[in-house]
C-alpha cells in the first residue's frame, strides 16, 4: 500500500499570509487538525492544531500563520510505501504528512495517522 492509496486527495490548504483567525476558523469548521501551507502551489509549511495551541489566540488572531506554522515539513510522495509513512509519523511524532509531487512539491494529498489506522484495520479484517 502506498501514500496515494491512503491520502485524502486535494486537501484544504492555506497561504502563509492567511491569518491565525482564518486558519482557526477553517480548521474548526472542517474539523481538521492539519493544514498544508503553500505559496504559488508549492509546500512551504504545515500548520497543526498543536501550533495554534502554543499561541495566545486572543492577541494573535490577525497574525499571519507564517509566524506559527512549521516550515521544516516532512512530506511524502504519492508512491511512498505505508511502512515508510508509519516510520515517519512515529519517528517525528507528527499526526499527518502532506503528499507532494516530487518535482514541484505541489500538494496533492495528505495522509494522517487516522488514514494509516484505517488501512491497518482493513488489512486485519482481511486476514
N, C-alpha and C. Protein backbone atom coordinates (compact mmCIF):
# COMPACT_ATOMS: atom_id res chain seq x y z
N UNK A 1 0.85 -1.17 0.00
CA UNK A 1 0.00 0.00 0.00
C UNK A 1 0.90 1.24 0.00
N UNK A 2 0.51 2.25 -0.76
CA UNK A 2 1.32 3.46 -0.90
C UNK A 2 0.50 4.69 -0.50
N UNK A 3 1.18 5.83 -0.38
CA UNK A 3 0.55 7.08 0.05
C UNK A 3 -0.67 7.42 -0.80
N UNK A 4 -0.59 7.22 -2.10
CA UNK A 4 -1.70 7.54 -3.00
C UNK A 4 -2.97 6.79 -2.59
N UNK A 5 -2.82 5.56 -2.06
CA UNK A 5 -3.97 4.76 -1.65
C UNK A 5 -4.56 5.24 -0.32
N UNK A 6 -3.77 5.90 0.49
CA UNK A 6 -4.18 6.31 1.83
C UNK A 6 -4.63 7.75 1.92
N UNK A 7 -4.09 8.60 1.08
CA UNK A 7 -4.21 10.05 1.26
C UNK A 7 -5.63 10.56 1.00
N UNK A 8 -5.90 11.69 1.62
CA UNK A 8 -7.07 12.48 1.27
C UNK A 8 -6.62 13.37 0.12
N UNK A 9 -7.20 13.19 -1.07
CA UNK A 9 -6.73 13.99 -2.21
C UNK A 9 -7.20 15.43 -2.12
N UNK A 10 -6.42 16.30 -2.75
CA UNK A 10 -6.76 17.73 -2.83
C UNK A 10 -7.14 18.32 -1.48
N UNK A 11 -6.23 18.24 -0.50
CA UNK A 11 -6.58 18.74 0.83
C UNK A 11 -6.73 20.25 0.84
N UNK A 12 -7.45 20.73 1.82
CA UNK A 12 -7.57 22.16 2.02
C UNK A 12 -6.19 22.69 2.37
N UNK A 13 -5.81 23.80 1.75
CA UNK A 13 -4.52 24.42 2.03
C UNK A 13 -4.75 25.89 2.37
N UNK A 14 -3.74 26.50 2.94
CA UNK A 14 -3.73 27.93 3.21
C UNK A 14 -2.44 28.52 2.69
N UNK A 15 -2.43 29.83 2.47
CA UNK A 15 -1.17 30.50 2.14
C UNK A 15 -0.56 31.00 3.43
N UNK A 16 0.73 31.28 3.40
CA UNK A 16 1.44 31.75 4.59
C UNK A 16 0.91 33.10 5.07
N UNK A 17 0.23 33.83 4.20
CA UNK A 17 -0.30 35.14 4.58
C UNK A 17 -1.66 35.06 5.25
N UNK A 18 -2.29 33.89 5.26
CA UNK A 18 -3.58 33.74 5.96
C UNK A 18 -3.38 34.05 7.43
N UNK A 19 -4.38 34.63 8.05
CA UNK A 19 -4.26 34.98 9.46
C UNK A 19 -4.52 33.76 10.34
N UNK A 20 -4.05 33.84 11.57
CA UNK A 20 -4.30 32.79 12.55
C UNK A 20 -5.81 32.62 12.72
N UNK A 21 -6.55 33.73 12.71
CA UNK A 21 -8.01 33.66 12.84
C UNK A 21 -8.63 32.87 11.69
N UNK A 22 -8.18 33.13 10.47
CA UNK A 22 -8.69 32.41 9.31
C UNK A 22 -8.39 30.91 9.42
N UNK A 23 -7.16 30.60 9.83
CA UNK A 23 -6.77 29.20 9.97
C UNK A 23 -7.59 28.52 11.06
N UNK A 24 -7.74 29.19 12.19
CA UNK A 24 -8.51 28.64 13.31
C UNK A 24 -9.94 28.33 12.87
N UNK A 25 -10.57 29.30 12.20
CA UNK A 25 -11.96 29.14 11.76
C UNK A 25 -12.07 27.99 10.75
N UNK A 26 -11.17 27.93 9.79
CA UNK A 26 -11.19 26.87 8.79
C UNK A 26 -11.04 25.50 9.44
N UNK A 27 -10.07 25.35 10.32
CA UNK A 27 -9.82 24.07 10.96
C UNK A 27 -11.00 23.65 11.84
N UNK A 28 -11.59 24.61 12.52
CA UNK A 28 -12.75 24.31 13.36
C UNK A 28 -13.96 23.92 12.50
N UNK A 29 -14.19 24.69 11.45
CA UNK A 29 -15.34 24.44 10.57
C UNK A 29 -15.25 23.08 9.87
N UNK A 30 -14.06 22.74 9.36
CA UNK A 30 -13.87 21.48 8.63
C UNK A 30 -13.52 20.30 9.54
N UNK A 31 -13.32 20.60 10.83
CA UNK A 31 -12.93 19.57 11.81
C UNK A 31 -11.67 18.84 11.37
N UNK A 32 -10.64 19.63 11.02
CA UNK A 32 -9.35 19.07 10.63
C UNK A 32 -8.28 19.58 11.59
N UNK A 33 -7.18 18.85 11.69
CA UNK A 33 -6.12 19.22 12.62
C UNK A 33 -4.82 19.59 11.95
N UNK A 34 -4.75 19.41 10.62
CA UNK A 34 -3.51 19.69 9.89
C UNK A 34 -3.84 20.37 8.58
N UNK A 35 -3.11 21.44 8.26
CA UNK A 35 -3.34 22.15 7.01
C UNK A 35 -1.99 22.43 6.35
N UNK A 36 -1.75 21.91 5.15
CA UNK A 36 -0.53 22.27 4.42
C UNK A 36 -0.59 23.76 4.06
N UNK A 37 0.57 24.41 4.15
CA UNK A 37 0.69 25.83 3.80
C UNK A 37 1.47 25.91 2.50
N UNK A 38 0.90 26.59 1.51
CA UNK A 38 1.50 26.65 0.18
C UNK A 38 1.75 28.09 -0.25
N UNK A 39 2.70 28.24 -1.13
CA UNK A 39 2.98 29.52 -1.78
C UNK A 39 3.13 29.22 -3.26
N UNK A 40 2.29 29.80 -4.08
CA UNK A 40 2.30 29.54 -5.52
C UNK A 40 2.21 28.04 -5.81
N UNK A 41 1.40 27.33 -5.03
CA UNK A 41 1.19 25.91 -5.24
C UNK A 41 2.24 24.99 -4.66
N UNK A 42 3.30 25.55 -4.08
CA UNK A 42 4.40 24.75 -3.53
C UNK A 42 4.32 24.71 -2.01
N UNK A 43 4.54 23.54 -1.44
CA UNK A 43 4.52 23.37 0.01
C UNK A 43 5.62 24.19 0.66
N UNK A 44 5.24 25.04 1.63
CA UNK A 44 6.22 25.84 2.37
C UNK A 44 6.11 25.63 3.87
N UNK A 45 5.06 24.97 4.32
CA UNK A 45 4.89 24.77 5.75
C UNK A 45 3.71 23.87 6.05
N UNK A 46 3.54 23.62 7.33
CA UNK A 46 2.42 22.80 7.80
C UNK A 46 1.92 23.43 9.08
N UNK A 47 0.63 23.61 9.19
CA UNK A 47 0.02 24.17 10.39
C UNK A 47 -0.81 23.09 11.05
N UNK A 48 -0.62 22.91 12.35
CA UNK A 48 -1.39 21.91 13.08
C UNK A 48 -2.12 22.56 14.24
N UNK A 49 -3.05 21.82 14.79
CA UNK A 49 -3.75 22.32 15.96
C UNK A 49 -2.78 22.53 17.12
N UNK A 50 -1.69 21.77 17.14
CA UNK A 50 -0.68 21.97 18.19
C UNK A 50 0.04 23.29 18.01
N UNK A 51 0.28 23.71 16.76
CA UNK A 51 0.89 25.02 16.52
C UNK A 51 -0.02 26.11 17.07
N UNK A 52 -1.30 26.00 16.81
CA UNK A 52 -2.25 27.01 17.27
C UNK A 52 -2.40 27.00 18.79
N UNK A 53 -2.25 25.82 19.39
CA UNK A 53 -2.38 25.73 20.84
C UNK A 53 -1.25 26.45 21.57
N UNK A 54 -0.14 26.66 20.89
CA UNK A 54 1.01 27.32 21.52
C UNK A 54 0.93 28.84 21.49
N UNK A 55 -0.04 29.40 20.79
CA UNK A 55 -0.12 30.86 20.68
C UNK A 55 -1.26 31.40 21.53
N UNK A 56 -1.10 32.64 21.95
CA UNK A 56 -2.16 33.33 22.67
C UNK A 56 -3.12 33.85 21.61
N UNK A 57 -4.16 33.08 21.36
CA UNK A 57 -5.06 33.39 20.25
C UNK A 57 -5.71 34.77 20.38
N UNK A 58 -6.01 35.18 21.57
CA UNK A 58 -6.68 36.48 21.75
C UNK A 58 -5.83 37.63 21.21
N UNK A 59 -4.51 37.53 21.34
CA UNK A 59 -3.64 38.60 20.88
C UNK A 59 -3.10 38.38 19.48
N UNK A 60 -3.24 37.19 18.95
CA UNK A 60 -2.56 36.88 17.70
C UNK A 60 -3.49 36.51 16.55
N UNK A 61 -4.77 36.74 16.68
CA UNK A 61 -5.70 36.31 15.63
C UNK A 61 -5.43 36.96 14.28
N UNK A 62 -4.90 38.16 14.27
CA UNK A 62 -4.63 38.84 13.00
C UNK A 62 -3.25 38.51 12.44
N UNK A 63 -2.43 37.83 13.23
CA UNK A 63 -1.06 37.50 12.82
C UNK A 63 -1.08 36.48 11.68
N UNK A 64 -0.21 36.66 10.67
CA UNK A 64 -0.12 35.66 9.60
C UNK A 64 0.36 34.31 10.15
N UNK A 65 -0.17 33.23 9.59
CA UNK A 65 0.19 31.90 10.09
C UNK A 65 1.65 31.56 9.84
N UNK A 66 2.31 32.30 8.96
CA UNK A 66 3.73 32.06 8.72
C UNK A 66 4.52 32.19 10.03
N UNK A 67 3.99 32.94 10.98
CA UNK A 67 4.66 33.13 12.27
C UNK A 67 4.47 31.95 13.23
N UNK A 68 3.52 31.07 12.94
CA UNK A 68 3.29 29.95 13.86
C UNK A 68 3.38 28.58 13.21
N UNK A 69 3.41 28.51 11.89
CA UNK A 69 3.44 27.22 11.20
C UNK A 69 4.82 26.56 11.32
N UNK A 70 4.87 25.28 11.07
CA UNK A 70 6.14 24.56 10.97
C UNK A 70 6.61 24.68 9.53
N UNK A 71 7.82 25.17 9.34
CA UNK A 71 8.31 25.32 7.97
C UNK A 71 9.25 24.20 7.55
N UNK A 72 9.72 23.43 8.49
CA UNK A 72 10.58 22.28 8.19
C UNK A 72 9.65 21.06 8.07
N UNK A 73 8.97 20.97 6.94
CA UNK A 73 7.90 19.98 6.77
C UNK A 73 8.43 18.67 6.22
N UNK A 74 8.03 17.60 6.84
CA UNK A 74 8.33 16.27 6.33
C UNK A 74 7.15 15.89 5.45
N UNK A 75 7.41 15.61 4.19
CA UNK A 75 6.36 15.26 3.24
C UNK A 75 6.74 13.95 2.56
N UNK A 76 5.74 13.32 1.96
CA UNK A 76 5.96 12.09 1.21
C UNK A 76 5.46 12.29 -0.21
N UNK A 77 5.86 11.39 -1.08
CA UNK A 77 5.42 11.40 -2.47
C UNK A 77 4.29 10.40 -2.63
N UNK A 78 3.50 10.50 -3.69
CA UNK A 78 2.37 9.58 -3.88
C UNK A 78 2.75 8.10 -3.85
N UNK A 79 3.97 7.75 -4.20
CA UNK A 79 4.37 6.34 -4.25
C UNK A 79 5.06 5.86 -2.97
N UNK A 80 5.09 6.67 -1.92
CA UNK A 80 5.73 6.27 -0.66
C UNK A 80 4.95 5.12 -0.03
N UNK A 81 5.68 4.09 0.39
CA UNK A 81 5.08 2.89 0.97
C UNK A 81 4.54 3.16 2.38
N UNK A 82 3.51 2.40 2.75
CA UNK A 82 2.87 2.51 4.05
C UNK A 82 3.88 2.38 5.19
N UNK A 83 4.80 1.44 5.09
CA UNK A 83 5.79 1.24 6.14
C UNK A 83 6.62 2.48 6.39
N UNK A 84 7.03 3.16 5.34
CA UNK A 84 7.81 4.38 5.48
C UNK A 84 6.96 5.50 6.09
N UNK A 85 5.70 5.56 5.70
CA UNK A 85 4.80 6.56 6.26
C UNK A 85 4.68 6.36 7.76
N UNK A 86 4.48 5.13 8.19
CA UNK A 86 4.37 4.83 9.61
C UNK A 86 5.65 5.22 10.34
N UNK A 87 6.80 4.86 9.78
CA UNK A 87 8.09 5.22 10.39
C UNK A 87 8.22 6.72 10.59
N UNK A 88 7.85 7.50 9.56
CA UNK A 88 7.96 8.96 9.65
C UNK A 88 7.02 9.53 10.71
N UNK A 89 5.79 9.05 10.76
CA UNK A 89 4.84 9.54 11.76
C UNK A 89 5.34 9.27 13.17
N UNK A 90 5.87 8.06 13.39
CA UNK A 90 6.35 7.70 14.72
C UNK A 90 7.64 8.43 15.06
N UNK A 91 8.60 8.38 14.16
CA UNK A 91 9.92 8.97 14.41
C UNK A 91 9.84 10.47 14.70
N UNK A 92 9.00 11.16 13.96
CA UNK A 92 8.93 12.62 14.10
C UNK A 92 7.77 13.07 14.99
N UNK A 93 7.02 12.09 15.51
CA UNK A 93 5.91 12.39 16.42
C UNK A 93 4.95 13.43 15.82
N UNK A 94 4.53 13.15 14.59
CA UNK A 94 3.62 14.05 13.88
C UNK A 94 2.33 13.32 13.55
N UNK A 95 1.28 14.06 13.29
CA UNK A 95 -0.01 13.46 13.05
C UNK A 95 -0.41 13.33 11.60
N UNK A 96 0.33 14.01 10.70
CA UNK A 96 -0.03 13.96 9.29
C UNK A 96 1.17 14.31 8.43
N UNK A 97 1.12 13.80 7.21
CA UNK A 97 2.17 14.08 6.22
C UNK A 97 1.53 14.58 4.93
N UNK A 98 1.94 15.76 4.45
CA UNK A 98 1.45 16.17 3.14
C UNK A 98 2.03 15.25 2.07
N UNK A 99 1.25 15.00 1.03
CA UNK A 99 1.71 14.20 -0.11
C UNK A 99 1.94 15.19 -1.25
N UNK A 100 3.18 15.21 -1.75
CA UNK A 100 3.55 16.20 -2.76
C UNK A 100 4.13 15.53 -4.01
N UNK A 101 3.98 16.23 -5.14
CA UNK A 101 4.63 15.78 -6.37
C UNK A 101 6.13 15.96 -6.19
N UNK A 102 6.93 14.98 -6.57
CA UNK A 102 8.37 15.06 -6.32
C UNK A 102 9.09 16.21 -7.03
N UNK A 103 8.65 16.58 -8.20
CA UNK A 103 9.36 17.61 -8.95
C UNK A 103 8.94 19.02 -8.59
N UNK A 104 7.68 19.23 -8.20
CA UNK A 104 7.19 20.58 -7.95
C UNK A 104 6.86 20.86 -6.50
N UNK A 105 6.75 19.82 -5.67
CA UNK A 105 6.28 19.92 -4.28
C UNK A 105 4.86 20.45 -4.19
N UNK A 106 4.11 20.30 -5.29
CA UNK A 106 2.69 20.65 -5.28
C UNK A 106 1.96 19.66 -4.37
N UNK A 107 1.12 20.18 -3.49
CA UNK A 107 0.37 19.33 -2.56
C UNK A 107 -0.76 18.64 -3.32
N UNK A 108 -0.74 17.30 -3.29
CA UNK A 108 -1.78 16.52 -3.97
C UNK A 108 -2.63 15.73 -2.98
N UNK A 109 -2.21 15.69 -1.73
CA UNK A 109 -2.97 14.94 -0.74
C UNK A 109 -2.38 15.13 0.64
N UNK A 110 -3.00 14.46 1.60
CA UNK A 110 -2.49 14.46 2.97
C UNK A 110 -2.83 13.11 3.58
N UNK A 111 -1.87 12.52 4.32
CA UNK A 111 -2.07 11.25 5.00
C UNK A 111 -1.94 11.51 6.49
N UNK A 112 -3.00 11.20 7.23
CA UNK A 112 -2.96 11.38 8.68
C UNK A 112 -2.81 10.02 9.36
N UNK A 113 -2.54 10.05 10.65
CA UNK A 113 -2.43 8.80 11.38
C UNK A 113 -3.76 8.05 11.36
N UNK A 114 -4.86 8.78 11.23
CA UNK A 114 -6.18 8.13 11.14
C UNK A 114 -6.28 7.32 9.84
N UNK A 115 -5.77 7.88 8.73
CA UNK A 115 -5.76 7.15 7.46
C UNK A 115 -4.96 5.86 7.59
N UNK A 116 -3.82 5.94 8.28
CA UNK A 116 -2.97 4.77 8.47
C UNK A 116 -3.68 3.72 9.32
N UNK A 117 -4.32 4.16 10.40
CA UNK A 117 -5.03 3.21 11.26
C UNK A 117 -6.18 2.54 10.51
N UNK A 118 -6.87 3.28 9.65
CA UNK A 118 -7.94 2.68 8.85
C UNK A 118 -7.38 1.61 7.91
N UNK A 119 -6.23 1.90 7.29
CA UNK A 119 -5.61 0.94 6.37
C UNK A 119 -5.19 -0.32 7.11
N UNK A 120 -4.62 -0.15 8.30
CA UNK A 120 -4.19 -1.30 9.10
C UNK A 120 -5.42 -2.11 9.53
N UNK A 121 -6.47 -1.41 9.94
CA UNK A 121 -7.71 -2.10 10.32
C UNK A 121 -8.26 -2.92 9.16
N UNK A 122 -8.26 -2.33 7.96
CA UNK A 122 -8.75 -3.05 6.77
C UNK A 122 -7.93 -4.30 6.51
N UNK A 123 -6.62 -4.19 6.67
CA UNK A 123 -5.75 -5.36 6.45
C UNK A 123 -6.02 -6.44 7.48
N UNK A 124 -6.24 -6.04 8.73
CA UNK A 124 -6.52 -7.02 9.79
C UNK A 124 -7.84 -7.72 9.53
N UNK A 125 -8.83 -6.98 9.06
CA UNK A 125 -10.13 -7.59 8.77
C UNK A 125 -10.04 -8.57 7.60
N UNK A 126 -9.11 -8.33 6.67
CA UNK A 126 -8.94 -9.20 5.52
C UNK A 126 -8.28 -10.53 5.90
N UNK A 127 -7.60 -10.55 7.03
CA UNK A 127 -6.87 -11.78 7.43
C UNK A 127 -7.77 -12.82 7.99
